Amino acid sequence: MLPDGRYDEARGDRCSAYAGRYTVTGNHLDYVDYVDDTGFTATGVLRDGVLHHEHLVLYRETGPA
């Protein structure tokens, strides 16, 4: 999750397996425009800076990018 409303997701050894946009309204997050899956949308909820997405709990990465 990048601060400019974009995301870049790694999978296995692929650094940029999926990329696209997201929006946040209050504590609700919506993903839009998965590059590899046109039309895919997903949602998540932000609680105390932690993203709860489907069965995943995603924490902010720390350290150098």
C-alpha atoms as a PDB file:
ATOM      1  CA  MET A   1       0.000   0.000   0.000  1.00  0.00           C
ATOM      2  CA  LEU A   2       1.630   3.200  -1.138  1.00  0.00           C
ATOM      3  CA  PRO A   3       0.661   6.646   0.144  1.00  0.00           C
ATOM      4  CA  ASP A   4      -0.382   7.807  -3.348  1.00  0.00           C
ATOM      5  CA  GLY A   5      -3.371   5.411  -3.505  1.00  0.00           C
ATOM      6  CA  ARG A   6      -1.501   2.660  -5.366  1.00  0.00           C
ATOM      7  CA  TYR A   7      -0.585  -0.854  -4.258  1.00  0.00           C
ATOM      8  CA  ASP A   8       2.129  -3.202  -5.456  1.00  0.00           C
ATOM      9  CA  GLU A   9       1.829  -6.809  -4.295  1.00  0.00           C
ATOM     10  CA  ALA A  10       4.597  -9.407  -4.329  1.00  0.00           C
ATOM     11  CA  ARG A  11       3.838 -13.111  -4.771  1.00  0.00           C
ATOM     12  CA  GLY A  12       6.575 -15.702  -4.363  1.00  0.00           C
ATOM     13  CA  ASP A  13       9.600 -14.519  -6.319  1.00  0.00           C
ATOM     14  CA  ARG A  14       7.589 -11.960  -8.344  1.00  0.00           C
ATOM     15  CA  CYS A  15       8.150  -8.507  -6.828  1.00  0.00           C
ATOM     16  CA  SER A  16       5.201  -6.884  -8.634  1.00  0.00           C
ATOM     17  CA  ALA A  17       2.756  -9.715  -9.237  1.00  0.00           C
ATOM     18  CA  TYR A  18      -0.285  -7.425  -8.876  1.00  0.00           C
ATOM     19  CA  ALA A  19      -0.589  -3.659  -8.964  1.00  0.00           C
ATOM     20  CA  GLY A  20      -3.435  -1.174  -9.020  1.00  0.00           C
ATOM     21  CA  ARG A  21      -5.301   1.474  -7.064  1.00  0.00           C
ATOM     22  CA  TYR A  22      -7.090   1.627  -3.727  1.00  0.00           C
ATOM     23  CA  THR A  23      -9.314   4.117  -1.944  1.00  0.00           C
ATOM     24  CA  VAL A  24      -9.952   4.602   1.765  1.00  0.00           C
ATOM     25  CA  THR A  25     -13.165   6.000   3.227  1.00  0.00           C
ATOM     26  CA  GLY A  26     -13.013   6.220   7.018  1.00  0.00           C
ATOM     27  CA  ASN A  27     -11.614   2.826   8.002  1.00  0.00           C
ATOM     28  CA  HIS A  28     -12.914   1.012   4.880  1.00  0.00           C
ATOM     29  CA  LEU A  29     -10.512   0.197   2.044  1.00  0.00           C
ATOM     30  CA  ASP A  30     -11.499  -0.754  -1.524  1.00  0.00           C
ATOM     31  CA  TYR A  31      -9.081  -2.175  -4.082  1.00  0.00           C
ATOM     32  CA  VAL A  32      -9.744  -1.378  -7.722  1.00  0.00           C
ATOM     33  CA  ASP A  33      -8.080  -2.171 -11.054  1.00  0.00           C
ATOM     34  CA  TYR A  34      -5.959  -5.241 -10.444  1.00  0.00           C
ATOM     35  CA  VAL A  35      -3.661  -5.260 -13.471  1.00  0.00           C
ATOM     36  CA  ASP A  36      -3.810  -9.044 -14.002  1.00  0.00           C
ATOM     37  CA  ASP A  37      -7.494  -9.476 -13.135  1.00  0.00           C
ATOM     38  CA  THR A  38      -9.467  -6.802 -14.930  1.00  0.00           C
ATOM     39  CA  GLY A  39     -12.598  -5.969 -13.016  1.00  0.00           C
ATOM     40  CA  PHE A  40     -11.440  -7.509  -9.726  1.00  0.00           C
ATOM     41  CA  THR A  41     -12.462  -5.666  -6.590  1.00  0.00           C
ATOM     42  CA  ALA A  42     -11.864  -6.463  -2.942  1.00  0.00           C
ATOM     43  CA  THR A  43     -12.419  -4.723   0.364  1.00  0.00           C
ATOM     44  CA  GLY A  44     -10.727  -4.481   3.716  1.00  0.00           C
ATOM     45  CA  VAL A  45     -10.997  -2.714   7.036  1.00  0.00           C
ATOM     46  CA  LEU A  46      -8.250  -0.702   8.714  1.00  0.00           C
ATOM     47  CA  ARG A  47      -8.078  -1.144  12.499  1.00  0.00           C
ATOM     48  CA  ASP A  48      -5.299   0.577  14.457  1.00  0.00           C
ATOM     49  CA  GLY A  49      -3.127   0.816  11.329  1.00  0.00           C
ATOM     50  CA  VAL A  50      -3.574  -2.882  10.479  1.00  0.00           C
ATOM     51  CA  LEU A  51      -5.402  -3.975   7.302  1.00  0.00           C
ATOM     52  CA  HIS A  52      -7.875  -6.857   7.709  1.00  0.00           C
ATOM     53  CA  HIS A  53      -8.539  -8.232   4.230  1.00  0.00           C
ATOM     54  CA  GLU A  54     -10.585 -11.416   3.812  1.00  0.00           C
ATOM     55  CA  HIS A  55      -8.662 -14.031   5.852  1.00  0.00           C
ATOM     56  CA  LEU A  56      -5.431 -11.971   5.858  1.00  0.00           C
ATOM     57  CA  VAL A  57      -4.054  -9.550   8.439  1.00  0.00           C
ATOM     58  CA  LEU A  58      -1.546  -7.174   6.810  1.00  0.00           C
ATOM     59  CA  TYR A  59       0.933  -5.062   8.791  1.00  0.00           C
ATOM     60  CA  ARG A  60       2.855  -2.020   7.632  1.00  0.00           C
ATOM     61  CA  GLU A  61       6.308  -2.872   6.312  1.00  0.00           C
ATOM     62  CA  THR A  62       9.136  -1.254   8.227  1.00  0.00           C
ATOM     63  CA  GLY A  63      12.657  -0.509   7.083  1.00  0.00           C
ATOM     64  CA  PRO A  64      13.988   0.379   3.632  1.00  0.00           C
ATOM     65  CA  ALA A  65      11.728  -0.317   0.643  1.00  0.00           C
END
